[in-house]
């Protein structure tokens, strides 16, 4: 399975759930997450899609940590089986009480120690 397969499933399922998921590209930075989603109450969710088993590069990890420190939510996903769980988490982020319970950290659906 390649990254584009995971990303296609992500986009399709988010659309079915009624959540707008935008492609996030910046010509000057290679380390930004792949997708961005804006929720109510000025909640920003960023999603980095990886191929199965791949981890964040060092610069990506640092950039994502910076986004989290600024109050954004960052998720990393590396297989199609994680998509529906991610949708559930994103929908729960609409609840203010749930957002307050989450730690300020990068959220991995499968945590992988270390960077590439």
PDB file of N, CA and C in Angstrom:
ATOM      1  N   UNK A   1       0.843  -1.173   0.000  1.00  0.00           N
ATOM      2  CA  UNK A   1       0.000   0.000   0.000  1.00  0.00           C
ATOM      3  C   UNK A   1       0.891   1.239   0.000  1.00  0.00           C
ATOM      4  N   UNK A   2       0.500   2.226  -0.780  1.00  0.00           N
ATOM      5  CA  UNK A   2       1.294   3.446  -0.851  1.00  0.00           C
ATOM      6  C   UNK A   2       0.541   4.597  -0.192  1.00  0.00           C
ATOM      7  N   UNK A   3       1.255   5.682   0.066  1.00  0.00           N
ATOM      8  CA  UNK A   3       0.686   6.831   0.763  1.00  0.00           C
ATOM      9  C   UNK A   3      -0.559   7.379   0.068  1.00  0.00           C
ATOM     10  N   UNK A   4      -0.538   7.414  -1.264  1.00  0.00           N
ATOM     11  CA  UNK A   4      -1.692   7.975  -1.995  1.00  0.00           C
ATOM     12  C   UNK A   4      -2.960   7.151  -1.764  1.00  0.00           C
ATOM     13  N   UNK A   5      -2.827   5.847  -1.555  1.00  0.00           N
ATOM     14  CA  UNK A   5      -3.982   4.996  -1.259  1.00  0.00           C
ATOM     15  C   UNK A   5      -4.595   5.388   0.083  1.00  0.00           C
ATOM     16  N   UNK A   6      -3.742   5.593   1.079  1.00  0.00           N
ATOM     17  CA  UNK A   6      -4.205   6.004   2.415  1.00  0.00           C
ATOM     18  C   UNK A   6      -4.885   7.370   2.321  1.00  0.00           C
ATOM     19  N   UNK A   7      -4.258   8.285   1.594  1.00  0.00           N
ATOM     20  CA  UNK A   7      -4.795   9.641   1.493  1.00  0.00           C
ATOM     21  C   UNK A   7      -6.135   9.656   0.744  1.00  0.00           C
ATOM     22  N   UNK A   8      -6.258   8.857  -0.299  1.00  0.00           N
ATOM     23  CA  UNK A   8      -7.517   8.785  -1.045  1.00  0.00           C
ATOM     24  C   UNK A   8      -8.653   8.295  -0.145  1.00  0.00           C
ATOM     25  N   UNK A   9      -8.383   7.256   0.627  1.00  0.00           N
ATOM     26  CA  UNK A   9      -9.405   6.725   1.548  1.00  0.00           C
ATOM     27  C   UNK A   9      -9.765   7.774   2.599  1.00  0.00           C
ATOM     28  N   UNK A  10      -8.764   8.475   3.090  1.00  0.00           N
ATOM     29  CA  UNK A  10      -8.979   9.529   4.081  1.00  0.00           C
ATOM     30  C   UNK A  10      -9.934  10.593   3.533  1.00  0.00           C
ATOM     31  N   UNK A  11      -9.644  11.090   2.350  1.00  0.00           N
ATOM     32  CA  UNK A  11     -10.454  12.149   1.736  1.00  0.00           C
ATOM     33  C   UNK A  11     -11.877  11.658   1.470  1.00  0.00           C
ATOM     34  N   UNK A  12     -12.011  10.458   0.915  1.00  0.00           N
ATOM     35  CA  UNK A  12     -13.327   9.895   0.604  1.00  0.00           C
ATOM     36  C   UNK A  12     -14.181   9.745   1.858  1.00  0.00           C
ATOM     37  N   UNK A  13     -13.604   9.171   2.907  1.00  0.00           N
ATOM     38  CA  UNK A  13     -14.372   8.926   4.130  1.00  0.00           C
ATOM     39  C   UNK A  13     -14.691  10.220   4.888  1.00  0.00           C
ATOM     40  N   UNK A  14     -13.786  11.187   4.860  1.00  0.00           N
ATOM     41  CA  UNK A  14     -14.078  12.469   5.494  1.00  0.00           C
ATOM     42  C   UNK A  14     -15.246  13.142   4.771  1.00  0.00           C
ATOM     43  N   UNK A  15     -15.245  13.069   3.444  1.00  0.00           N
ATOM     44  CA  UNK A  15     -16.322  13.663   2.657  1.00  0.00           C
ATOM     45  C   UNK A  15     -17.653  13.008   2.998  1.00  0.00           C
ATOM     46  N   UNK A  16     -17.665  11.672   3.115  1.00  0.00           N
ATOM     47  CA  UNK A  16     -18.888  10.943   3.482  1.00  0.00           C
ATOM     48  C   UNK A  16     -19.387  11.367   4.863  1.00  0.00           C
ATOM     49  N   UNK A  17     -18.453  11.700   5.765  1.00  0.00           N
ATOM     50  CA  UNK A  17     -18.805  12.110   7.124  1.00  0.00           C
ATOM     51  C   UNK A  17     -19.203  13.590   7.189  1.00  0.00           C
ATOM     52  N   UNK A  18     -19.096  14.284   6.052  1.00  0.00           N
ATOM     53  CA  UNK A  18     -19.484  15.701   6.020  1.00  0.00           C
ATOM     54  C   UNK A  18     -18.429  16.648   6.571  1.00  0.00           C
ATOM     55  N   UNK A  19     -17.175  16.197   6.579  1.00  0.00           N
ATOM     56  CA  UNK A  19     -16.077  17.018   7.087  1.00  0.00           C
ATOM     57  C   UNK A  19     -15.224  17.459   5.904  1.00  0.00           C
ATOM     58  N   UNK A  20     -15.038  18.769   5.778  1.00  0.00           N
ATOM     59  CA  UNK A  20     -14.211  19.269   4.685  1.00  0.00           C
ATOM     60  C   UNK A  20     -12.741  19.100   5.046  1.00  0.00           C
ATOM     61  N   UNK A  21     -12.004  18.463   4.176  1.00  0.00           N
ATOM     62  CA  UNK A  21     -10.588  18.182   4.387  1.00  0.00           C
ATOM     63  C   UNK A  21      -9.822  18.763   3.204  1.00  0.00           C
ATOM     64  N   UNK A  22      -9.003  19.760   3.474  1.00  0.00           N
ATOM     65  CA  UNK A  22      -8.301  20.471   2.415  1.00  0.00           C
ATOM     66  C   UNK A  22      -6.868  19.981   2.260  1.00  0.00           C
ATOM     67  N   UNK A  23      -6.372  20.009   1.033  1.00  0.00           N
ATOM     68  CA  UNK A  23      -4.960  19.707   0.770  1.00  0.00           C
ATOM     69  C   UNK A  23      -4.165  20.906   1.263  1.00  0.00           C
ATOM     70  N   UNK A  24      -3.093  20.661   2.013  1.00  0.00           N
ATOM     71  CA  UNK A  24      -2.295  21.736   2.593  1.00  0.00           C
ATOM     72  C   UNK A  24      -0.914  21.674   1.971  1.00  0.00           C
ATOM     73  N   UNK A  25      -0.612  22.619   1.096  1.00  0.00           N
ATOM     74  CA  UNK A  25       0.691  22.651   0.430  1.00  0.00           C
ATOM     75  C   UNK A  25       1.278  24.040   0.549  1.00  0.00           C
ATOM     76  N   UNK A  26       2.550  24.092   0.843  1.00  0.00           N
ATOM     77  CA  UNK A  26       3.255  25.365   0.831  1.00  0.00           C
ATOM     78  C   UNK A  26       4.530  25.166   0.026  1.00  0.00           C
ATOM     79  N   UNK A  27       4.742  25.979  -0.986  1.00  0.00           N
ATOM     80  CA  UNK A  27       5.922  25.809  -1.840  1.00  0.00           C
ATOM     81  C   UNK A  27       7.249  25.987  -1.093  1.00  0.00           C
ATOM     82  N   UNK A  28       7.225  26.785  -0.039  1.00  0.00           N
ATOM     83  CA  UNK A  28       8.481  27.089   0.648  1.00  0.00           C
ATOM     84  C   UNK A  28       8.826  26.114   1.778  1.00  0.00           C
ATOM     85  N   UNK A  29       7.892  25.238   2.146  1.00  0.00           N
ATOM     86  CA  UNK A  29       8.139  24.305   3.256  1.00  0.00           C
ATOM     87  C   UNK A  29       7.731  22.895   2.872  1.00  0.00           C
ATOM     88  N   UNK A  30       8.618  21.944   3.077  1.00  0.00           N
ATOM     89  CA  UNK A  30       8.319  20.538   2.784  1.00  0.00           C
ATOM     90  C   UNK A  30       7.793  19.793   4.004  1.00  0.00           C
ATOM     91  N   UNK A  31       7.860  20.429   5.172  1.00  0.00           N
ATOM     92  CA  UNK A  31       7.572  19.705   6.408  1.00  0.00           C
ATOM     93  C   UNK A  31       6.160  19.928   6.963  1.00  0.00           C
ATOM     94  N   UNK A  32       5.289  20.597   6.213  1.00  0.00           N
ATOM     95  CA  UNK A  32       3.929  20.817   6.705  1.00  0.00           C
ATOM     96  C   UNK A  32       3.091  19.552   6.510  1.00  0.00           C
ATOM     97  N   UNK A  33       2.095  19.321   7.383  1.00  0.00           N
ATOM     98  CA  UNK A  33       1.222  18.163   7.213  1.00  0.00           C
ATOM     99  C   UNK A  33       0.471  18.216   5.877  1.00  0.00           C
ATOM    100  N   UNK A  34      -0.002  17.055   5.411  1.00  0.00           N
ATOM    101  CA  UNK A  34      -0.635  16.930   4.096  1.00  0.00           C
ATOM    102  C   UNK A  34      -2.025  17.546   4.014  1.00  0.00           C
ATOM    103  N   UNK A  35      -2.799  17.427   5.064  1.00  0.00           N
ATOM    104  CA  UNK A  35      -4.201  17.841   5.039  1.00  0.00           C
ATOM    105  C   UNK A  35      -4.531  18.728   6.227  1.00  0.00           C
ATOM    106  N   UNK A  36      -5.534  19.602   6.040  1.00  0.00           N
ATOM    107  CA  UNK A  36      -5.962  20.506   7.101  1.00  0.00           C
ATOM    108  C   UNK A  36      -7.485  20.536   7.131  1.00  0.00           C
ATOM    109  N   UNK A  37      -8.017  20.681   8.330  1.00  0.00           N
ATOM    110  CA  UNK A  37      -9.462  20.667   8.540  1.00  0.00           C
ATOM    111  C   UNK A  37      -9.777  21.739   9.582  1.00  0.00           C
ATOM    112  N   UNK A  38     -10.761  22.591   9.288  1.00  0.00           N
ATOM    113  CA  UNK A  38     -11.169  23.636  10.225  1.00  0.00           C
ATOM    114  C   UNK A  38     -12.517  23.259  10.822  1.00  0.00           C
ATOM    115  N   UNK A  39     -12.577  23.208  12.145  1.00  0.00           N
ATOM    116  CA  UNK A  39     -13.809  22.875  12.849  1.00  0.00           C
ATOM    117  C   UNK A  39     -14.373  24.137  13.513  1.00  0.00           C
ATOM    118  N   UNK A  40     -15.550  23.991  14.102  1.00  0.00           N
ATOM    119  CA  UNK A  40     -16.149  25.107  14.835  1.00  0.00           C
ATOM    120  C   UNK A  40     -15.253  25.535  15.994  1.00  0.00           C
ATOM    121  N   UNK A  41     -15.490  26.713  16.516  1.00  0.00           N
ATOM    122  CA  UNK A  41     -14.732  27.260  17.644  1.00  0.00           C
ATOM    123  C   UNK A  41     -13.255  27.431  17.326  1.00  0.00           C
ATOM    124  N   UNK A  42     -12.926  27.700  16.069  1.00  0.00           N
ATOM    125  CA  UNK A  42     -11.543  27.962  15.631  1.00  0.00           C
ATOM    126  C   UNK A  42     -10.591  26.809  15.938  1.00  0.00           C
ATOM    127  N   UNK A  43     -11.075  25.589  15.803  1.00  0.00           N
ATOM    128  CA  UNK A  43     -10.248  24.400  16.015  1.00  0.00           C
ATOM    129  C   UNK A  43      -9.634  24.003  14.674  1.00  0.00           C
ATOM    130  N   UNK A  44      -8.316  23.844  14.666  1.00  0.00           N
ATOM    131  CA  UNK A  44      -7.603  23.441  13.458  1.00  0.00           C
ATOM    132  C   UNK A  44      -7.008  22.052  13.661  1.00  0.00           C
ATOM    133  N   UNK A  45      -7.292  21.160  12.712  1.00  0.00           N
ATOM    134  CA  UNK A  45      -6.766  19.802  12.747  1.00  0.00           C
ATOM    135  C   UNK A  45      -5.880  19.612  11.517  1.00  0.00           C
ATOM    136  N   UNK A  46      -4.659  19.161  11.742  1.00  0.00           N
ATOM    137  CA  UNK A  46      -3.742  18.884  10.640  1.00  0.00           C
ATOM    138  C   UNK A  46      -3.433  17.397  10.638  1.00  0.00           C
ATOM    139  N   UNK A  47      -3.368  16.822   9.435  1.00  0.00           N
ATOM    140  CA  UNK A  47      -3.167  15.381   9.308  1.00  0.00           C
ATOM    141  C   UNK A  47      -1.995  15.111   8.372  1.00  0.00           C
ATOM    142  N   UNK A  48      -1.038  14.364   8.869  1.00  0.00           N
ATOM    143  CA  UNK A  48       0.097  13.925   8.059  1.00  0.00           C
ATOM    144  C   UNK A  48      -0.148  12.479   7.674  1.00  0.00           C
ATOM    145  N   UNK A  49      -0.115  12.203   6.382  1.00  0.00           N
ATOM    146  CA  UNK A  49      -0.337  10.847   5.870  1.00  0.00           C
ATOM    147  C   UNK A  49       1.014  10.245   5.511  1.00  0.00           C
ATOM    148  N   UNK A  50       1.258   9.040   5.995  1.00  0.00           N
ATOM    149  CA  UNK A  50       2.492   8.309   5.708  1.00  0.00           C
ATOM    150  C   UNK A  50       2.151   6.960   5.106  1.00  0.00           C
ATOM    151  N   UNK A  51       3.096   6.393   4.388  1.00  0.00           N
ATOM    152  CA  UNK A  51       2.859   5.024   3.933  1.00  0.00           C
ATOM    153  C   UNK A  51       3.084   4.105   5.128  1.00  0.00           C
ATOM    154  N   UNK A  52       2.525   2.908   5.112  1.00  0.00           N
ATOM    155  CA  UNK A  52       2.622   2.012   6.268  1.00  0.00           C
ATOM    156  C   UNK A  52       4.057   1.829   6.756  1.00  0.00           C
ATOM    157  N   UNK A  53       4.234   2.012   8.065  1.00  0.00           N
ATOM    158  CA  UNK A  53       5.528   1.820   8.698  1.00  0.00           C
ATOM    159  C   UNK A  53       6.456   3.023   8.650  1.00  0.00           C
ATOM    160  N   UNK A  54       6.099   4.041   7.901  1.00  0.00           N
ATOM    161  CA  UNK A  54       6.980   5.205   7.778  1.00  0.00           C
ATOM    162  C   UNK A  54       6.746   6.175   8.945  1.00  0.00           C
ATOM    163  N   UNK A  55       7.791   6.847   9.367  1.00  0.00           N
ATOM    164  CA  UNK A  55       7.689   7.820  10.454  1.00  0.00           C
ATOM    165  C   UNK A  55       7.937   9.227   9.933  1.00  0.00           C
ATOM    166  N   UNK A  56       7.709  10.196  10.796  1.00  0.00           N
ATOM    167  CA  UNK A  56       7.974  11.588  10.433  1.00  0.00           C
ATOM    168  C   UNK A  56       9.477  11.828  10.298  1.00  0.00           C
ATOM    169  N   UNK A  57       9.839  12.644   9.333  1.00  0.00           N
ATOM    170  CA  UNK A  57      11.232  13.080   9.255  1.00  0.00           C
ATOM    171  C   UNK A  57      11.475  14.045  10.417  1.00  0.00           C
ATOM    172  N   UNK A  58      12.722  14.242  10.757  1.00  0.00           N
ATOM    173  CA  UNK A  58      13.061  15.074  11.912  1.00  0.00           C
ATOM    174  C   UNK A  58      12.456  16.479  11.802  1.00  0.00           C
ATOM    175  N   UNK A  59      12.580  17.102  10.628  1.00  0.00           N
ATOM    176  CA  UNK A  59      12.026  18.449  10.451  1.00  0.00           C
ATOM    177  C   UNK A  59      10.502  18.450  10.544  1.00  0.00           C
ATOM    178  N   UNK A  60       9.877  17.395  10.037  1.00  0.00           N
ATOM    179  CA  UNK A  60       8.423  17.282  10.148  1.00  0.00           C
ATOM    180  C   UNK A  60       7.991  17.186  11.606  1.00  0.00           C
ATOM    181  N   UNK A  61       8.710  16.378  12.368  1.00  0.00           N
ATOM    182  CA  UNK A  61       8.395  16.212  13.775  1.00  0.00           C
ATOM    183  C   UNK A  61       8.517  17.540  14.513  1.00  0.00           C
ATOM    184  N   UNK A  62       9.583  18.269  14.272  1.00  0.00           N
ATOM    185  CA  UNK A  62       9.773  19.563  14.924  1.00  0.00           C
ATOM    186  C   UNK A  62       8.680  20.550  14.527  1.00  0.00           C
ATOM    187  N   UNK A  63       8.333  20.577  13.254  1.00  0.00           N
ATOM    188  CA  UNK A  63       7.292  21.490  12.794  1.00  0.00           C
ATOM    189  C   UNK A  63       5.942  21.138  13.415  1.00  0.00           C
ATOM    190  N   UNK A  64       5.621  19.849  13.459  1.00  0.00           N
ATOM    191  CA  UNK A  64       4.358  19.407  14.057  1.00  0.00           C
ATOM    192  C   UNK A  64       4.310  19.730  15.549  1.00  0.00           C
ATOM    193  N   UNK A  65       5.409  19.555  16.239  1.00  0.00           N
ATOM    194  CA  UNK A  65       5.459  19.913  17.664  1.00  0.00           C
ATOM    195  C   UNK A  65       5.199  21.403  17.851  1.00  0.00           C
ATOM    196  N   UNK A  66       5.730  22.213  16.931  1.00  0.00           N
ATOM    197  CA  UNK A  66       5.484  23.660  16.984  1.00  0.00           C
ATOM    198  C   UNK A  66       4.015  24.000  16.780  1.00  0.00           C
ATOM    199  N   UNK A  67       3.358  23.289  15.866  1.00  0.00           N
ATOM    200  CA  UNK A  67       1.930  23.501  15.637  1.00  0.00           C
ATOM    201  C   UNK A  67       1.114  23.132  16.876  1.00  0.00           C
ATOM    202  N   UNK A  68       1.478  22.026  17.493  1.00  0.00           N
ATOM    203  CA  UNK A  68       0.789  21.580  18.709  1.00  0.00           C
ATOM    204  C   UNK A  68       0.982  22.601  19.828  1.00  0.00           C
ATOM    205  N   UNK A  69       2.178  23.139  19.949  1.00  0.00           N
ATOM    206  CA  UNK A  69       2.461  24.143  20.982  1.00  0.00           C
ATOM    207  C   UNK A  69       1.607  25.394  20.789  1.00  0.00           C
ATOM    208  N   UNK A  70       1.190  25.649  19.560  1.00  0.00           N
ATOM    209  CA  UNK A  70       0.343  26.817  19.262  1.00  0.00           C
ATOM    210  C   UNK A  70      -1.149  26.500  19.410  1.00  0.00           C
ATOM    211  N   UNK A  71      -1.465  25.276  19.833  1.00  0.00           N
ATOM    212  CA  UNK A  71      -2.847  24.920  20.112  1.00  0.00           C
ATOM    213  C   UNK A  71      -3.567  24.166  19.012  1.00  0.00           C
ATOM    214  N   UNK A  72      -2.869  23.780  17.958  1.00  0.00           N
ATOM    215  CA  UNK A  72      -3.495  23.009  16.879  1.00  0.00           C
ATOM    216  C   UNK A  72      -3.422  21.518  17.206  1.00  0.00           C
ATOM    217  N   UNK A  73      -4.252  20.732  16.559  1.00  0.00           N
ATOM    218  CA  UNK A  73      -4.252  19.291  16.749  1.00  0.00           C
ATOM    219  C   UNK A  73      -3.612  18.644  15.524  1.00  0.00           C
ATOM    220  N   UNK A  74      -2.628  17.786  15.752  1.00  0.00           N
ATOM    221  CA  UNK A  74      -1.912  17.125  14.664  1.00  0.00           C
ATOM    222  C   UNK A  74      -2.056  15.616  14.831  1.00  0.00           C
ATOM    223  N   UNK A  75      -2.464  14.965  13.742  1.00  0.00           N
ATOM    224  CA  UNK A  75      -2.593  13.515  13.729  1.00  0.00           C
ATOM    225  C   UNK A  75      -1.705  12.951  12.634  1.00  0.00           C
ATOM    226  N   UNK A  76      -1.145  11.772  12.887  1.00  0.00           N
ATOM    227  CA  UNK A  76      -0.345  11.065  11.894  1.00  0.00           C
ATOM    228  C   UNK A  76      -1.045   9.738  11.631  1.00  0.00           C
ATOM    229  N   UNK A  77      -1.237   9.412  10.365  1.00  0.00           N
ATOM    230  CA  UNK A  77      -1.958   8.195   9.991  1.00  0.00           C
ATOM    231  C   UNK A  77      -1.129   7.460   8.946  1.00  0.00           C
ATOM    232  N   UNK A  78      -1.039   6.118   9.089  1.00  0.00           N
ATOM    233  CA  UNK A  78      -0.208   5.399   8.124  1.00  0.00           C
ATOM    234  C   UNK A  78      -0.870   4.160   7.509  1.00  0.00           C
ATOM    235  N   UNK A  79      -2.184   4.005   7.687  1.00  0.00           N
ATOM    236  CA  UNK A  79      -2.868   2.939   6.949  1.00  0.00           C
ATOM    237  C   UNK A  79      -4.363   3.218   6.881  1.00  0.00           C
ATOM    238  N   UNK A  80      -5.033   2.609   5.918  1.00  0.00           N
ATOM    239  CA  UNK A  80      -6.444   2.884   5.679  1.00  0.00           C
ATOM    240  C   UNK A  80      -7.333   2.435   6.836  1.00  0.00           C
ATOM    241  N   UNK A  81      -6.884   1.472   7.615  1.00  0.00           N
ATOM    242  CA  UNK A  81      -7.662   1.001   8.760  1.00  0.00           C
ATOM    243  C   UNK A  81      -7.816   2.034   9.861  1.00  0.00           C
ATOM    244  N   UNK A  82      -7.011   3.070   9.839  1.00  0.00           N
ATOM    245  CA  UNK A  82      -7.071   4.114  10.859  1.00  0.00           C
ATOM    246  C   UNK A  82      -8.058   5.220  10.535  1.00  0.00           C
ATOM    247  N   UNK A  83      -8.544   5.260   9.303  1.00  0.00           N
ATOM    248  CA  UNK A  83      -9.327   6.404   8.831  1.00  0.00           C
ATOM    249  C   UNK A  83     -10.592   6.622   9.648  1.00  0.00           C
ATOM    250  N   UNK A  84     -11.386   5.587   9.874  1.00  0.00           N
ATOM    251  CA  UNK A  84     -12.649   5.769  10.596  1.00  0.00           C
ATOM    252  C   UNK A  84     -12.418   6.173  12.056  1.00  0.00           C
ATOM    253  N   UNK A  85     -11.378   5.647  12.683  1.00  0.00           N
ATOM    254  CA  UNK A  85     -11.043   6.073  14.038  1.00  0.00           C
ATOM    255  C   UNK A  85     -10.640   7.539  14.075  1.00  0.00           C
ATOM    256  N   UNK A  86      -9.932   7.972  13.060  1.00  0.00           N
ATOM    257  CA  UNK A  86      -9.526   9.375  12.971  1.00  0.00           C
ATOM    258  C   UNK A  86     -10.748  10.274  12.797  1.00  0.00           C
ATOM    259  N   UNK A  87     -11.694   9.859  11.973  1.00  0.00           N
ATOM    260  CA  UNK A  87     -12.926  10.641  11.790  1.00  0.00           C
ATOM    261  C   UNK A  87     -13.657  10.784  13.115  1.00  0.00           C
ATOM    262  N   UNK A  88     -13.745   9.702  13.877  1.00  0.00           N
ATOM    263  CA  UNK A  88     -14.384   9.756  15.194  1.00  0.00           C
ATOM    264  C   UNK A  88     -13.680  10.763  16.096  1.00  0.00           C
ATOM    265  N   UNK A  89     -12.348  10.732  16.108  1.00  0.00           N
ATOM    266  CA  UNK A  89     -11.583  11.679  16.933  1.00  0.00           C
ATOM    267  C   UNK A  89     -11.823  13.119  16.494  1.00  0.00           C
ATOM    268  N   UNK A  90     -11.823  13.358  15.199  1.00  0.00           N
ATOM    269  CA  UNK A  90     -12.029  14.716  14.690  1.00  0.00           C
ATOM    270  C   UNK A  90     -13.429  15.211  15.053  1.00  0.00           C
ATOM    271  N   UNK A  91     -14.428  14.350  14.915  1.00  0.00           N
ATOM    272  CA  UNK A  91     -15.782  14.753  15.306  1.00  0.00           C
ATOM    273  C   UNK A  91     -15.862  15.048  16.803  1.00  0.00           C
ATOM    274  N   UNK A  92     -15.145  14.295  17.606  1.00  0.00           N
ATOM    275  CA  UNK A  92     -15.141  14.535  19.059  1.00  0.00           C
ATOM    276  C   UNK A  92     -14.448  15.839  19.416  1.00  0.00           C
ATOM    277  N   UNK A  93     -13.526  16.284  18.570  1.00  0.00           N
ATOM    278  CA  UNK A  93     -12.842  17.558  18.829  1.00  0.00           C
ATOM    279  C   UNK A  93     -13.798  18.746  18.757  1.00  0.00           C
ATOM    280  N   UNK A  94     -14.969  18.540  18.164  1.00  0.00           N
ATOM    281  CA  UNK A  94     -15.981  19.600  18.142  1.00  0.00           C
ATOM    282  C   UNK A  94     -16.534  19.848  19.541  1.00  0.00           C
ATOM    283  N   UNK A  95     -16.380  18.890  20.419  1.00  0.00           N
ATOM    284  CA  UNK A  95     -16.848  19.030  21.802  1.00  0.00           C
ATOM    285  C   UNK A  95     -15.749  19.698  22.626  1.00  0.00           C
ATOM    286  N   UNK A  96     -16.054  20.859  23.169  1.00  0.00           N
ATOM    287  CA  UNK A  96     -15.055  21.621  23.916  1.00  0.00           C
ATOM    288  C   UNK A  96     -14.497  20.823  25.101  1.00  0.00           C
ATOM    289  N   UNK A  97     -15.353  20.117  25.816  1.00  0.00           N
ATOM    290  CA  UNK A  97     -14.892  19.358  26.980  1.00  0.00           C
ATOM    291  C   UNK A  97     -13.889  18.281  26.576  1.00  0.00           C
ATOM    292  N   UNK A  98     -14.090  17.668  25.409  1.00  0.00           N
ATOM    293  CA  UNK A  98     -13.157  16.645  24.935  1.00  0.00           C
ATOM    294  C   UNK A  98     -11.818  17.264  24.567  1.00  0.00           C
ATOM    295  N   UNK A  99     -11.843  18.405  23.900  1.00  0.00           N
ATOM    296  CA  UNK A  99     -10.603  19.092  23.518  1.00  0.00           C
ATOM    297  C   UNK A  99      -9.759  19.420  24.736  1.00  0.00           C
ATOM    298  N   UNK A 100     -10.397  19.827  25.805  1.00  0.00           N
ATOM    299  CA  UNK A 100      -9.660  20.213  27.016  1.00  0.00           C
ATOM    300  C   UNK A 100      -8.975  19.028  27.676  1.00  0.00           C
ATOM    301  N   UNK A 101      -9.499  17.816  27.461  1.00  0.00           N
ATOM    302  CA  UNK A 101      -8.901  16.619  28.066  1.00  0.00           C
ATOM    303  C   UNK A 101      -7.693  16.103  27.290  1.00  0.00           C
ATOM    304  N   UNK A 102      -7.611  16.450  26.001  1.00  0.00           N
ATOM    305  CA  UNK A 102      -6.494  15.950  25.196  1.00  0.00           C
ATOM    306  C   UNK A 102      -5.194  16.640  25.603  1.00  0.00           C
ATOM    307  N   UNK A 103      -4.139  15.857  25.643  1.00  0.00           N
ATOM    308  CA  UNK A 103      -2.829  16.429  25.918  1.00  0.00           C
ATOM    309  C   UNK A 103      -2.360  17.210  24.714  1.00  0.00           C
ATOM    310  N   UNK A 104      -1.501  18.178  24.953  1.00  0.00           N
ATOM    311  CA  UNK A 104      -0.896  18.946  23.869  1.00  0.00           C
ATOM    312  C   UNK A 104       0.247  18.115  23.295  1.00  0.00           C
ATOM    313  N   UNK A 105      -0.078  17.253  22.373  1.00  0.00           N
ATOM    314  CA  UNK A 105       0.921  16.380  21.774  1.00  0.00           C
ATOM    315  C   UNK A 105       0.504  15.995  20.365  1.00  0.00           C
ATOM    316  N   UNK A 106       1.404  15.450  19.615  1.00  0.00           N
ATOM    317  CA  UNK A 106       1.074  14.919  18.306  1.00  0.00           C
ATOM    318  C   UNK A 106       0.363  13.587  18.535  1.00  0.00           C
ATOM    319  N   UNK A 107      -0.753  13.394  17.887  1.00  0.00           N
ATOM    320  CA  UNK A 107      -1.550  12.194  18.109  1.00  0.00           C
ATOM    321  C   UNK A 107      -1.249  11.166  17.029  1.00  0.00           C
ATOM    322  N   UNK A 108      -0.697  10.059  17.458  1.00  0.00           N
ATOM    323  CA  UNK A 108      -0.356   8.970  16.541  1.00  0.00           C
ATOM    324  C   UNK A 108      -1.392   7.885  16.713  1.00  0.00           C
ATOM    325  N   UNK A 109      -1.925   7.398  15.636  1.00  0.00           N
ATOM    326  CA  UNK A 109      -2.842   6.276  15.757  1.00  0.00           C
ATOM    327  C   UNK A 109      -2.064   5.001  15.998  1.00  0.00           C
ATOM    328  N   UNK A 110      -0.868   4.919  15.444  1.00  0.00           N
ATOM    329  CA  UNK A 110       0.071   3.881  15.833  1.00  0.00           C
ATOM    330  C   UNK A 110       1.342   4.633  16.148  1.00  0.00           C
ATOM    331  N   UNK A 111       1.726   4.708  17.396  1.00  0.00           N
ATOM    332  CA  UNK A 111       2.903   5.481  17.772  1.00  0.00           C
ATOM    333  C   UNK A 111       4.163   4.751  17.357  1.00  0.00           C
ATOM    334  N   UNK A 112       5.034   5.454  16.724  1.00  0.00           N
ATOM    335  CA  UNK A 112       6.321   4.886  16.306  1.00  0.00           C
ATOM    336  C   UNK A 112       7.410   5.728  16.924  1.00  0.00           C
ATOM    337  N   UNK A 113       8.255   5.107  17.678  1.00  0.00           N
ATOM    338  CA  UNK A 113       9.333   5.808  18.348  1.00  0.00           C
ATOM    339  C   UNK A 113      10.448   6.142  17.345  1.00  0.00           C
ATOM    340  N   UNK A 114      10.949   7.357  17.427  1.00  0.00           N
ATOM    341  CA  UNK A 114      12.065   7.745  16.568  1.00  0.00           C
ATOM    342  C   UNK A 114      11.622   8.398  15.275  1.00  0.00           C
ATOM    343  N   UNK A 115      12.567   8.928  14.552  1.00  0.00           N
ATOM    344  CA  UNK A 115      12.289   9.599  13.282  1.00  0.00           C
ATOM    345  C   UNK A 115      13.189   9.042  12.213  1.00  0.00           C
ATOM    346  N   UNK A 116      12.847   9.321  10.967  1.00  0.00           N
ATOM    347  CA  UNK A 116      13.629   8.827   9.856  1.00  0.00           C
ATOM    348  C   UNK A 116      14.866   9.684   9.686  1.00  0.00           C
TER     349      UNK A 116
END
